[in-house]
Amino acid sequence: MSRLPAAALVGAALAAGAAGYAVHGRPGLPAAPVPARPAPPAAAEAREGARSTLLVNPGDVAAWIRLSNAMIAAGDTAGAVEAMEVATAALPADVNLRVQQGVALVAHAEGEVVPAARLAFDRASALDPTHPAPRYFLGLAWLQAGRPREALGVWRELLAMTPPDAPWAEELTRMIGAAETMVALGVGERAVPPGMAPREEGR
């Protein structure tokens, strides 16, 4: 099974604005997506480059991920989702593509970790339990469900596994701080409505 370095996936997701969602210090509000980067002209160039690569080698996992991230950056999140449906249908056992499928679904849902995205991340986690991206998004799902304590449990475990120089370490630390602030303000002490809480890993 192929595996790109975690930095290539988590870092790309953050750069594309698909994973970096801020709470802005106001618990209870929906997460807000970071503005997409690169600018549309650069995204168009990256998209066409990835497409050219895939015409020659449709099994190039990195090119599929570049194509998806370029579409996300250009605002074509529906196209990014469709591209990853094609890619995962062709290469269903590739953890990198399952992660990117989840990233595209989150971007298309404007930052919400919807059930389809959770399914993609669960499948990625089943393929590689050590991959950091599914854990990051599980914590985000808990935070969006109004359960910062559960988010902290997941993210602190991920932080313990994260090298200090990992490109996502700063973002992860920032999100942990946001969740800690929410806990201090009493967010999550009330019950969550049925169907709102995300499933635990492995369930």
N, C-alpha and C. Protein backbone atom coordinates (compact mmCIF):
# COMPACT_ATOMS: atom_id res chain seq x y z
N MET A 1 0.86 -1.20 0.00
CA MET A 1 0.00 0.00 0.00
C MET A 1 0.89 1.24 0.00
N SER A 2 0.62 2.19 -0.87
CA SER A 2 1.42 3.41 -0.93
C SER A 2 1.07 4.33 0.21
N ARG A 3 2.07 5.13 0.56
CA ARG A 3 1.79 6.14 1.57
C ARG A 3 2.66 7.34 1.33
N LEU A 4 2.04 8.47 1.09
CA LEU A 4 2.77 9.72 1.01
C LEU A 4 3.09 10.17 2.42
N PRO A 5 4.14 10.98 2.60
CA PRO A 5 4.38 11.51 3.94
C PRO A 5 3.15 12.24 4.45
N ALA A 6 2.89 12.15 5.74
CA ALA A 6 1.71 12.81 6.31
C ALA A 6 1.71 14.30 6.00
N ALA A 7 2.90 14.90 5.98
CA ALA A 7 2.98 16.34 5.71
C ALA A 7 2.41 16.69 4.36
N ALA A 8 2.56 15.79 3.39
CA ALA A 8 2.08 16.07 2.04
C ALA A 8 0.56 16.14 1.98
N LEU A 9 -0.11 15.45 2.90
CA LEU A 9 -1.57 15.45 2.93
C LEU A 9 -2.12 16.47 3.90
N VAL A 10 -1.68 16.39 5.15
CA VAL A 10 -2.21 17.32 6.14
C VAL A 10 -1.79 18.75 5.80
N GLY A 11 -0.52 18.91 5.42
CA GLY A 11 -0.05 20.25 5.06
C GLY A 11 -0.78 20.80 3.85
N ALA A 12 -1.01 19.97 2.86
CA ALA A 12 -1.73 20.42 1.66
C ALA A 12 -3.17 20.78 1.99
N ALA A 13 -3.78 20.02 2.88
CA ALA A 13 -5.15 20.31 3.26
C ALA A 13 -5.25 21.66 3.95
N LEU A 14 -4.30 21.93 4.84
CA LEU A 14 -4.30 23.22 5.52
C LEU A 14 -4.07 24.35 4.52
N ALA A 15 -3.14 24.16 3.60
CA ALA A 15 -2.83 25.21 2.63
C ALA A 15 -4.01 25.48 1.72
N ALA A 16 -4.77 24.45 1.43
CA ALA A 16 -5.93 24.61 0.54
C ALA A 16 -7.13 25.18 1.25
N GLY A 17 -7.02 25.39 2.56
CA GLY A 17 -8.14 25.93 3.30
C GLY A 17 -9.19 24.89 3.60
N ALA A 18 -8.84 23.61 3.52
CA ALA A 18 -9.83 22.56 3.75
C ALA A 18 -9.79 22.03 5.16
N ALA A 19 -8.73 22.32 5.90
CA ALA A 19 -8.64 21.78 7.25
C ALA A 19 -8.49 22.83 8.31
N GLY A 20 -8.11 24.04 7.94
CA GLY A 20 -7.83 25.06 8.96
C GLY A 20 -9.05 25.87 9.28
N TYR A 21 -9.82 25.44 10.26
CA TYR A 21 -11.03 26.14 10.64
C TYR A 21 -10.88 26.75 12.02
N ALA A 22 -11.18 28.04 12.13
CA ALA A 22 -10.97 28.75 13.37
C ALA A 22 -12.27 28.92 14.13
N VAL A 23 -12.18 28.96 15.45
CA VAL A 23 -13.36 29.19 16.28
C VAL A 23 -13.53 30.68 16.56
N HIS A 24 -12.47 31.45 16.40
CA HIS A 24 -12.50 32.90 16.59
C HIS A 24 -12.94 33.29 18.00
N GLY A 25 -12.72 32.39 18.96
CA GLY A 25 -12.99 32.73 20.34
C GLY A 25 -14.46 32.86 20.70
N ARG A 26 -15.36 32.36 19.84
CA ARG A 26 -16.80 32.48 20.09
C ARG A 26 -17.44 31.11 20.07
N PRO A 27 -17.43 30.43 21.21
CA PRO A 27 -17.97 29.07 21.24
C PRO A 27 -19.42 29.02 20.78
N GLY A 28 -19.76 27.92 20.12
CA GLY A 28 -21.13 27.72 19.66
C GLY A 28 -21.37 28.16 18.24
N LEU A 29 -20.44 28.95 17.68
CA LEU A 29 -20.61 29.36 16.29
C LEU A 29 -20.02 28.31 15.37
N PRO A 30 -20.56 28.19 14.14
CA PRO A 30 -19.97 27.25 13.19
C PRO A 30 -18.53 27.63 12.89
N ALA A 31 -17.71 26.63 12.57
CA ALA A 31 -16.33 26.92 12.20
C ALA A 31 -16.30 27.70 10.90
N ALA A 32 -15.29 28.57 10.77
CA ALA A 32 -15.19 29.42 9.58
C ALA A 32 -14.00 28.98 8.75
N PRO A 33 -14.17 28.76 7.45
CA PRO A 33 -13.04 28.31 6.63
C PRO A 33 -12.02 29.41 6.41
N VAL A 34 -10.75 29.05 6.47
CA VAL A 34 -9.69 29.97 6.12
C VAL A 34 -9.76 30.24 4.63
N PRO A 35 -9.53 31.49 4.18
CA PRO A 35 -9.58 31.76 2.74
C PRO A 35 -8.68 30.82 1.95
N ALA A 36 -9.19 30.34 0.81
CA ALA A 36 -8.46 29.35 0.02
C ALA A 36 -7.20 29.95 -0.59
N ARG A 37 -6.16 29.14 -0.64
CA ARG A 37 -4.92 29.48 -1.31
C ARG A 37 -4.52 28.27 -2.14
N PRO A 38 -3.85 28.38 -3.23
CA PRO A 38 -3.36 29.60 -3.85
C PRO A 38 -4.46 30.37 -4.56
N ALA A 39 -4.07 31.52 -5.14
CA ALA A 39 -5.02 32.32 -5.89
C ALA A 39 -5.50 31.52 -7.10
N PRO A 40 -6.70 31.82 -7.60
CA PRO A 40 -7.26 31.06 -8.73
C PRO A 40 -6.33 30.83 -9.92
N PRO A 41 -5.54 31.84 -10.39
CA PRO A 41 -4.64 31.55 -11.53
C PRO A 41 -3.66 30.42 -11.22
N ALA A 42 -3.08 30.44 -10.01
CA ALA A 42 -2.15 29.38 -9.63
C ALA A 42 -2.88 28.05 -9.51
N ALA A 43 -4.11 28.10 -9.00
CA ALA A 43 -4.90 26.88 -8.87
C ALA A 43 -5.21 26.30 -10.24
N ALA A 44 -5.52 27.16 -11.20
CA ALA A 44 -5.81 26.69 -12.55
C ALA A 44 -4.59 26.02 -13.18
N GLU A 45 -3.44 26.62 -12.95
CA GLU A 45 -2.21 26.04 -13.49
C GLU A 45 -1.93 24.67 -12.85
N ALA A 46 -2.12 24.59 -11.52
CA ALA A 46 -1.91 23.32 -10.83
C ALA A 46 -2.91 22.27 -11.29
N ARG A 47 -4.15 22.69 -11.51
CA ARG A 47 -5.18 21.76 -11.97
C ARG A 47 -4.84 21.17 -13.34
N GLU A 48 -4.43 22.04 -14.26
CA GLU A 48 -4.12 21.56 -15.60
C GLU A 48 -2.87 20.68 -15.59
N GLY A 49 -1.91 21.02 -14.75
CA GLY A 49 -0.72 20.19 -14.64
C GLY A 49 -1.05 18.80 -14.13
N ALA A 50 -1.92 18.74 -13.12
CA ALA A 50 -2.32 17.44 -12.57
C ALA A 50 -3.10 16.64 -13.61
N ARG A 51 -3.97 17.30 -14.34
CA ARG A 51 -4.74 16.60 -15.37
C ARG A 51 -3.83 16.02 -16.45
N SER A 52 -2.82 16.79 -16.83
CA SER A 52 -1.89 16.30 -17.85
C SER A 52 -1.15 15.06 -17.36
N THR A 53 -0.76 15.09 -16.10
CA THR A 53 -0.08 13.93 -15.51
C THR A 53 -0.99 12.72 -15.50
N LEU A 54 -2.25 12.92 -15.14
CA LEU A 54 -3.19 11.80 -15.03
C LEU A 54 -3.56 11.22 -16.39
N LEU A 55 -3.49 12.02 -17.45
CA LEU A 55 -3.74 11.49 -18.79
C LEU A 55 -2.68 10.46 -19.16
N VAL A 56 -1.47 10.68 -18.68
CA VAL A 56 -0.37 9.76 -18.95
C VAL A 56 -0.37 8.60 -17.97
N ASN A 57 -0.64 8.92 -16.69
CA ASN A 57 -0.61 7.90 -15.64
C ASN A 57 -1.79 8.09 -14.68
N PRO A 58 -2.93 7.47 -14.98
CA PRO A 58 -4.11 7.66 -14.13
C PRO A 58 -3.97 7.05 -12.74
N GLY A 59 -2.91 6.31 -12.50
CA GLY A 59 -2.68 5.74 -11.18
C GLY A 59 -1.77 6.59 -10.31
N ASP A 60 -1.46 7.81 -10.74
CA ASP A 60 -0.57 8.70 -9.98
C ASP A 60 -1.35 9.32 -8.82
N VAL A 61 -1.16 8.79 -7.63
CA VAL A 61 -1.91 9.25 -6.45
C VAL A 61 -1.63 10.71 -6.16
N ALA A 62 -0.37 11.10 -6.21
CA ALA A 62 -0.01 12.49 -5.91
C ALA A 62 -0.70 13.46 -6.87
N ALA A 63 -0.83 13.07 -8.14
CA ALA A 63 -1.49 13.94 -9.12
C ALA A 63 -2.97 14.07 -8.81
N TRP A 64 -3.63 12.99 -8.38
CA TRP A 64 -5.03 13.08 -7.97
C TRP A 64 -5.20 14.05 -6.81
N ILE A 65 -4.28 14.00 -5.86
CA ILE A 65 -4.37 14.88 -4.69
C ILE A 65 -4.12 16.32 -5.11
N ARG A 66 -3.15 16.55 -5.99
CA ARG A 66 -2.92 17.91 -6.48
C ARG A 66 -4.14 18.44 -7.22
N LEU A 67 -4.76 17.58 -8.03
CA LEU A 67 -5.96 18.00 -8.76
C LEU A 67 -7.08 18.40 -7.80
N SER A 68 -7.31 17.58 -6.79
CA SER A 68 -8.36 17.89 -5.81
C SER A 68 -8.07 19.18 -5.06
N ASN A 69 -6.84 19.35 -4.58
CA ASN A 69 -6.51 20.56 -3.85
C ASN A 69 -6.59 21.81 -4.73
N ALA A 70 -6.21 21.67 -6.00
CA ALA A 70 -6.31 22.80 -6.92
C ALA A 70 -7.77 23.19 -7.14
N MET A 71 -8.64 22.21 -7.25
CA MET A 71 -10.07 22.50 -7.42
C MET A 71 -10.64 23.17 -6.17
N ILE A 72 -10.24 22.68 -5.00
CA ILE A 72 -10.69 23.30 -3.76
C ILE A 72 -10.24 24.75 -3.70
N ALA A 73 -8.97 24.98 -4.04
CA ALA A 73 -8.43 26.34 -4.00
C ALA A 73 -9.14 27.27 -4.97
N ALA A 74 -9.60 26.72 -6.09
CA ALA A 74 -10.32 27.52 -7.09
C ALA A 74 -11.80 27.67 -6.77
N GLY A 75 -12.26 27.02 -5.70
CA GLY A 75 -13.67 27.11 -5.32
C GLY A 75 -14.55 26.05 -5.95
N ASP A 76 -13.95 25.15 -6.73
CA ASP A 76 -14.73 24.09 -7.36
C ASP A 76 -14.73 22.86 -6.46
N THR A 77 -15.39 22.96 -5.31
CA THR A 77 -15.38 21.85 -4.37
C THR A 77 -16.17 20.66 -4.88
N ALA A 78 -17.23 20.91 -5.65
CA ALA A 78 -17.98 19.80 -6.23
C ALA A 78 -17.11 19.00 -7.18
N GLY A 79 -16.30 19.69 -7.98
CA GLY A 79 -15.36 19.02 -8.87
C GLY A 79 -14.33 18.22 -8.11
N ALA A 80 -13.88 18.77 -6.98
CA ALA A 80 -12.91 18.06 -6.16
C ALA A 80 -13.50 16.77 -5.61
N VAL A 81 -14.75 16.83 -5.17
CA VAL A 81 -15.43 15.63 -4.67
C VAL A 81 -15.58 14.59 -5.78
N GLU A 82 -16.00 15.04 -6.95
CA GLU A 82 -16.17 14.11 -8.08
C GLU A 82 -14.85 13.47 -8.47
N ALA A 83 -13.78 14.27 -8.47
CA ALA A 83 -12.47 13.73 -8.83
C ALA A 83 -12.05 12.63 -7.85
N MET A 84 -12.31 12.85 -6.55
CA MET A 84 -11.91 11.86 -5.57
C MET A 84 -12.81 10.63 -5.61
N GLU A 85 -14.04 10.78 -6.05
CA GLU A 85 -14.90 9.60 -6.26
C GLU A 85 -14.31 8.70 -7.34
N VAL A 86 -13.84 9.32 -8.41
CA VAL A 86 -13.21 8.56 -9.49
C VAL A 86 -11.93 7.89 -8.99
N ALA A 87 -11.12 8.68 -8.28
CA ALA A 87 -9.83 8.18 -7.82
C ALA A 87 -9.98 7.02 -6.83
N THR A 88 -10.90 7.17 -5.86
CA THR A 88 -11.07 6.11 -4.86
C THR A 88 -11.75 4.88 -5.44
N ALA A 89 -12.56 5.06 -6.48
CA ALA A 89 -13.15 3.91 -7.15
C ALA A 89 -12.07 3.10 -7.86
N ALA A 90 -11.09 3.79 -8.43
CA ALA A 90 -10.01 3.12 -9.14
C ALA A 90 -8.97 2.54 -8.19
N LEU A 91 -8.73 3.23 -7.07
CA LEU A 91 -7.68 2.83 -6.11
C LEU A 91 -8.27 2.83 -4.70
N PRO A 92 -9.18 1.92 -4.41
CA PRO A 92 -9.91 1.97 -3.13
C PRO A 92 -9.08 1.70 -1.90
N ALA A 93 -7.92 1.10 -2.04
CA ALA A 93 -7.11 0.73 -0.87
C ALA A 93 -6.00 1.73 -0.59
N ASP A 94 -6.04 2.88 -1.23
CA ASP A 94 -4.99 3.88 -1.00
C ASP A 94 -5.42 4.85 0.10
N VAL A 95 -4.69 4.86 1.20
CA VAL A 95 -5.05 5.69 2.35
C VAL A 95 -5.01 7.17 2.00
N ASN A 96 -4.05 7.57 1.15
CA ASN A 96 -3.91 8.97 0.79
C ASN A 96 -5.16 9.50 0.08
N LEU A 97 -5.70 8.69 -0.81
CA LEU A 97 -6.89 9.11 -1.55
C LEU A 97 -8.11 9.14 -0.65
N ARG A 98 -8.21 8.23 0.30
CA ARG A 98 -9.33 8.25 1.24
C ARG A 98 -9.28 9.51 2.10
N VAL A 99 -8.09 9.88 2.55
CA VAL A 99 -7.96 11.11 3.31
C VAL A 99 -8.37 12.31 2.47
N GLN A 100 -7.86 12.36 1.24
CA GLN A 100 -8.18 13.50 0.38
C GLN A 100 -9.66 13.55 0.03
N GLN A 101 -10.29 12.39 -0.08
CA GLN A 101 -11.73 12.36 -0.31
C GLN A 101 -12.46 13.04 0.86
N GLY A 102 -12.02 12.75 2.07
CA GLY A 102 -12.62 13.40 3.23
C GLY A 102 -12.38 14.89 3.23
N VAL A 103 -11.16 15.29 2.87
CA VAL A 103 -10.83 16.72 2.80
C VAL A 103 -11.74 17.43 1.80
N ALA A 104 -11.94 16.83 0.63
CA ALA A 104 -12.78 17.45 -0.39
C ALA A 104 -14.23 17.57 0.09
N LEU A 105 -14.72 16.55 0.79
CA LEU A 105 -16.09 16.58 1.29
C LEU A 105 -16.26 17.64 2.38
N VAL A 106 -15.25 17.80 3.23
CA VAL A 106 -15.30 18.85 4.24
C VAL A 106 -15.30 20.23 3.58
N ALA A 107 -14.45 20.40 2.59
CA ALA A 107 -14.41 21.68 1.88
C ALA A 107 -15.74 21.98 1.21
N HIS A 108 -16.34 20.95 0.58
CA HIS A 108 -17.62 21.14 -0.10
C HIS A 108 -18.74 21.48 0.88
N ALA A 109 -18.61 21.00 2.11
CA ALA A 109 -19.61 21.29 3.16
C ALA A 109 -19.27 22.57 3.93
N GLU A 110 -18.37 23.38 3.38
CA GLU A 110 -17.98 24.66 3.96
C GLU A 110 -17.45 24.50 5.39
N GLY A 111 -16.66 23.46 5.58
CA GLY A 111 -15.99 23.29 6.85
C GLY A 111 -16.61 22.30 7.80
N GLU A 112 -17.78 21.80 7.48
CA GLU A 112 -18.44 20.85 8.37
C GLU A 112 -17.98 19.43 8.07
N VAL A 113 -17.66 18.70 9.13
CA VAL A 113 -17.27 17.30 8.95
C VAL A 113 -18.56 16.48 8.86
N VAL A 114 -19.10 16.41 7.67
CA VAL A 114 -20.38 15.74 7.42
C VAL A 114 -20.17 14.21 7.48
N PRO A 115 -21.28 13.45 7.60
CA PRO A 115 -21.14 11.99 7.69
C PRO A 115 -20.35 11.35 6.56
N ALA A 116 -20.52 11.83 5.34
CA ALA A 116 -19.77 11.26 4.22
C ALA A 116 -18.27 11.46 4.40
N ALA A 117 -17.89 12.61 4.94
CA ALA A 117 -16.47 12.87 5.20
C ALA A 117 -15.96 11.97 6.31
N ARG A 118 -16.77 11.80 7.37
CA ARG A 118 -16.38 10.90 8.46
C ARG A 118 -16.18 9.48 7.94
N LEU A 119 -17.02 9.05 7.01
CA LEU A 119 -16.87 7.71 6.45
C LEU A 119 -15.55 7.59 5.70
N ALA A 120 -15.21 8.62 4.93
CA ALA A 120 -13.93 8.60 4.20
C ALA A 120 -12.76 8.54 5.17
N PHE A 121 -12.82 9.33 6.23
CA PHE A 121 -11.73 9.33 7.22
C PHE A 121 -11.68 8.00 7.98
N ASP A 122 -12.84 7.44 8.28
CA ASP A 122 -12.87 6.14 8.96
C ASP A 122 -12.21 5.07 8.07
N ARG A 123 -12.48 5.12 6.78
CA ARG A 123 -11.87 4.16 5.86
C ARG A 123 -10.36 4.37 5.79
N ALA A 124 -9.94 5.63 5.80
CA ALA A 124 -8.51 5.93 5.81
C ALA A 124 -7.86 5.40 7.08
N SER A 125 -8.52 5.62 8.21
CA SER A 125 -7.98 5.16 9.48
C SER A 125 -7.89 3.64 9.53
N ALA A 126 -8.85 2.95 8.92
CA ALA A 126 -8.81 1.49 8.87
C ALA A 126 -7.62 1.01 8.04
N LEU A 127 -7.28 1.75 6.99
CA LEU A 127 -6.15 1.39 6.15
C LEU A 127 -4.82 1.70 6.84
N ASP A 128 -4.78 2.79 7.60
CA ASP A 128 -3.56 3.19 8.29
C ASP A 128 -3.93 3.90 9.59
N PRO A 129 -4.00 3.18 10.71
CA PRO A 129 -4.41 3.79 11.99
C PRO A 129 -3.47 4.87 12.49
N THR A 130 -2.26 4.95 11.95
CA THR A 130 -1.30 5.96 12.43
C THR A 130 -1.39 7.27 11.66
N HIS A 131 -2.20 7.33 10.62
CA HIS A 131 -2.28 8.56 9.82
C HIS A 131 -2.91 9.67 10.64
N PRO A 132 -2.30 10.87 10.67
CA PRO A 132 -2.80 11.94 11.55
C PRO A 132 -4.09 12.60 11.08
N ALA A 133 -4.37 12.63 9.79
CA ALA A 133 -5.52 13.39 9.29
C ALA A 133 -6.86 12.91 9.84
N PRO A 134 -7.15 11.61 9.86
CA PRO A 134 -8.44 11.19 10.42
C PRO A 134 -8.64 11.62 11.86
N ARG A 135 -7.58 11.59 12.66
CA ARG A 135 -7.69 12.02 14.06
C ARG A 135 -7.97 13.52 14.15
N TYR A 136 -7.30 14.29 13.29
CA TYR A 136 -7.53 15.73 13.30
C TYR A 136 -9.00 16.03 13.01
N PHE A 137 -9.55 15.40 12.00
CA PHE A 137 -10.92 15.68 11.61
C PHE A 137 -11.94 15.09 12.59
N LEU A 138 -11.58 13.99 13.26
CA LEU A 138 -12.46 13.48 14.31
C LEU A 138 -12.58 14.51 15.43
N GLY A 139 -11.46 15.11 15.82
CA GLY A 139 -11.50 16.16 16.83
C GLY A 139 -12.33 17.34 16.37
N LEU A 140 -12.20 17.71 15.09
CA LEU A 140 -12.99 18.82 14.55
C LEU A 140 -14.47 18.49 14.58
N ALA A 141 -14.80 17.22 14.28
CA ALA A 141 -16.21 16.81 14.33
C ALA A 141 -16.77 16.94 15.75
N TRP A 142 -15.99 16.53 16.74
CA TRP A 142 -16.43 16.68 18.13
C TRP A 142 -16.61 18.15 18.48
N LEU A 143 -15.68 18.99 18.04
CA LEU A 143 -15.78 20.41 18.35
C LEU A 143 -17.04 21.00 17.73
N GLN A 144 -17.32 20.63 16.49
CA GLN A 144 -18.51 21.15 15.81
C GLN A 144 -19.79 20.63 16.44
N ALA A 145 -19.71 19.47 17.11
CA ALA A 145 -20.88 18.93 17.80
C ALA A 145 -21.05 19.55 19.19
N GLY A 146 -20.20 20.51 19.53
CA GLY A 146 -20.31 21.17 20.83
C GLY A 146 -19.72 20.37 21.97
N ARG A 147 -18.75 19.49 21.67
CA ARG A 147 -18.14 18.65 22.68
C ARG A 147 -16.62 18.87 22.71
N PRO A 148 -16.17 20.01 23.23
CA PRO A 148 -14.73 20.31 23.21
C PRO A 148 -13.89 19.36 24.05
N ARG A 149 -14.45 18.79 25.12
CA ARG A 149 -13.67 17.84 25.92
C ARG A 149 -13.28 16.62 25.10
N GLU A 150 -14.22 16.11 24.31
CA GLU A 150 -13.93 14.97 23.46
C GLU A 150 -12.92 15.35 22.39
N ALA A 151 -13.05 16.57 21.84
CA ALA A 151 -12.08 17.04 20.85
C ALA A 151 -10.69 17.10 21.46
N LEU A 152 -10.60 17.58 22.70
CA LEU A 152 -9.30 17.66 23.37
C LEU A 152 -8.68 16.28 23.55
N GLY A 153 -9.50 15.30 23.91
CA GLY A 153 -8.99 13.96 24.09
C GLY A 153 -8.33 13.43 22.83
N VAL A 154 -8.99 13.64 21.69
CA VAL A 154 -8.47 13.17 20.41
C VAL A 154 -7.22 13.97 20.01
N TRP A 155 -7.31 15.30 20.12
CA TRP A 155 -6.21 16.15 19.66
C TRP A 155 -4.97 16.05 20.54
N ARG A 156 -5.14 15.89 21.85
CA ARG A 156 -3.97 15.73 22.70
C ARG A 156 -3.25 14.43 22.41
N GLU A 157 -4.01 13.40 22.11
CA GLU A 157 -3.40 12.12 21.72
C GLU A 157 -2.64 12.28 20.41
N LEU A 158 -3.24 13.01 19.47
CA LEU A 158 -2.56 13.26 18.20
C LEU A 158 -1.31 14.10 18.40
N LEU A 159 -1.39 15.11 19.26
CA LEU A 159 -0.23 15.97 19.51
C LEU A 159 0.93 15.17 20.09
N ALA A 160 0.62 14.20 20.95
CA ALA A 160 1.67 13.37 21.53
C ALA A 160 2.38 12.54 20.48
N MET A 161 1.70 12.27 19.36
CA MET A 161 2.28 11.49 18.28
C MET A 161 2.93 12.36 17.21
N THR A 162 2.79 13.68 17.33
CA THR A 162 3.21 14.61 16.28
C THR A 162 4.62 15.13 16.51
N PRO A 163 5.52 14.99 15.55
CA PRO A 163 6.85 15.59 15.67
C PRO A 163 6.73 17.11 15.81
N PRO A 164 7.58 17.73 16.63
CA PRO A 164 7.48 19.18 16.85
C PRO A 164 7.57 20.00 15.57
N ASP A 165 8.30 19.48 14.57
CA ASP A 165 8.48 20.25 13.34
C ASP A 165 7.47 19.87 12.26
N ALA A 166 6.45 19.09 12.61
CA ALA A 166 5.43 18.73 11.62
C ALA A 166 4.69 19.98 11.16
N PRO A 167 4.36 20.08 9.87
CA PRO A 167 3.74 21.32 9.36
C PRO A 167 2.35 21.58 9.93
N TRP A 168 1.69 20.56 10.50
CA TRP A 168 0.38 20.77 11.08
C TRP A 168 0.41 20.96 12.59
N ALA A 169 1.61 20.92 13.19
CA ALA A 169 1.72 21.00 14.66
C ALA A 169 1.19 22.34 15.17
N GLU A 170 1.52 23.43 14.51
CA GLU A 170 1.08 24.76 14.96
C GLU A 170 -0.44 24.88 14.91
N GLU A 171 -1.04 24.41 13.80
CA GLU A 171 -2.50 24.47 13.67
C GLU A 171 -3.17 23.61 14.73
N LEU A 172 -2.61 22.43 14.97
CA LEU A 172 -3.17 21.52 15.97
C LEU A 172 -3.10 22.15 17.36
N THR A 173 -1.97 22.76 17.68
CA THR A 173 -1.82 23.42 18.98
C THR A 173 -2.83 24.56 19.13
N ARG A 174 -3.03 25.30 18.05
CA ARG A 174 -4.00 26.41 18.09
C ARG A 174 -5.41 25.90 18.34
N MET A 175 -5.77 24.80 17.68
CA MET A 175 -7.11 24.25 17.86
C MET A 175 -7.29 23.69 19.26
N ILE A 176 -6.24 23.10 19.81
CA ILE A 176 -6.31 22.63 21.20
C ILE A 176 -6.56 23.81 22.14
N GLY A 177 -5.88 24.93 21.90
CA GLY A 177 -6.11 26.12 22.72
C GLY A 177 -7.54 26.61 22.62
N ALA A 178 -8.11 26.57 21.40
CA ALA A 178 -9.49 27.01 21.22
C ALA A 178 -10.45 26.09 21.98
N ALA A 179 -10.19 24.78 21.90
CA ALA A 179 -11.04 23.83 22.61
C ALA A 179 -10.93 24.01 24.12
N GLU A 180 -9.73 24.28 24.61
CA GLU A 180 -9.54 24.52 26.04
C GLU A 180 -10.31 25.75 26.50
N THR A 181 -10.33 26.79 25.67
CA THR A 181 -11.09 27.99 25.99
C THR A 181 -12.58 27.68 26.07
N MET A 182 -13.06 26.86 25.15
CA MET A 182 -14.47 26.49 25.15
C MET A 182 -14.83 25.70 26.41
N VAL A 183 -13.95 24.79 26.81
CA VAL A 183 -14.18 24.02 28.04
C VAL A 183 -14.23 24.95 29.24
N ALA A 184 -13.31 25.91 29.30
CA ALA A 184 -13.25 26.86 30.42
C ALA A 184 -14.53 27.70 30.50
N LEU A 185 -15.16 27.92 29.36
CA LEU A 185 -16.39 28.71 29.32
C LEU A 185 -17.64 27.85 29.52
N GLY A 186 -17.43 26.55 29.73
CA GLY A 186 -18.55 25.67 30.03
C GLY A 186 -19.25 25.09 28.82
N VAL A 187 -18.68 25.25 27.64
CA VAL A 187 -19.28 24.68 26.44
C VAL A 187 -19.17 23.16 26.50
N GLY A 188 -20.22 22.48 26.14
CA GLY A 188 -20.20 21.02 26.10
C GLY A 188 -20.67 20.36 27.36
N GLU A 189 -21.09 21.13 28.36
CA GLU A 189 -21.56 20.53 29.60
C GLU A 189 -22.98 20.00 29.46
N ARG A 190 -23.70 20.51 28.46
CA ARG A 190 -25.07 20.04 28.26
C ARG A 190 -25.07 18.86 27.29
N ALA A 191 -26.16 18.14 27.25
CA ALA A 191 -26.27 16.98 26.38
C ALA A 191 -26.32 17.41 24.92
N VAL A 192 -25.78 16.56 24.06
CA VAL A 192 -25.80 16.81 22.62
C VAL A 192 -27.05 16.16 22.03
N PRO A 193 -27.80 16.86 21.17
CA PRO A 193 -29.00 16.27 20.57
C PRO A 193 -28.69 14.97 19.85
N PRO A 194 -29.63 14.03 19.84
CA PRO A 194 -29.40 12.74 19.17
C PRO A 194 -28.95 12.92 17.73
N GLY A 195 -27.94 12.14 17.35
CA GLY A 195 -27.45 12.18 15.97
C GLY A 195 -26.41 13.22 15.70
N MET A 196 -26.11 14.10 16.69
CA MET A 196 -25.16 15.17 16.45
C MET A 196 -23.73 14.75 16.74
N ALA A 197 -23.53 13.87 17.70
CA ALA A 197 -22.18 13.48 18.09
C ALA A 197 -21.58 12.54 17.06
N PRO A 198 -20.29 12.73 16.75
CA PRO A 198 -19.63 11.82 15.80
C PRO A 198 -19.37 10.47 16.43
N ARG A 199 -19.25 9.45 15.56
CA ARG A 199 -18.92 8.12 16.06
C ARG A 199 -17.47 8.06 16.49
N GLU A 200 -17.19 7.22 17.46
CA GLU A 200 -15.82 6.99 17.87
C GLU A 200 -15.10 6.19 16.80
N GLU A 201 -13.74 6.32 16.77
CA GLU A 201 -12.96 5.53 15.82
C GLU A 201 -13.17 4.05 16.06
N GLY A 202 -13.30 3.31 14.98
CA GLY A 202 -13.42 1.86 15.07
C GLY A 202 -14.82 1.36 15.31
N ARG A 203 -15.80 2.30 15.41
CA ARG A 203 -17.19 1.90 15.63
C ARG A 203 -17.99 2.05 14.36
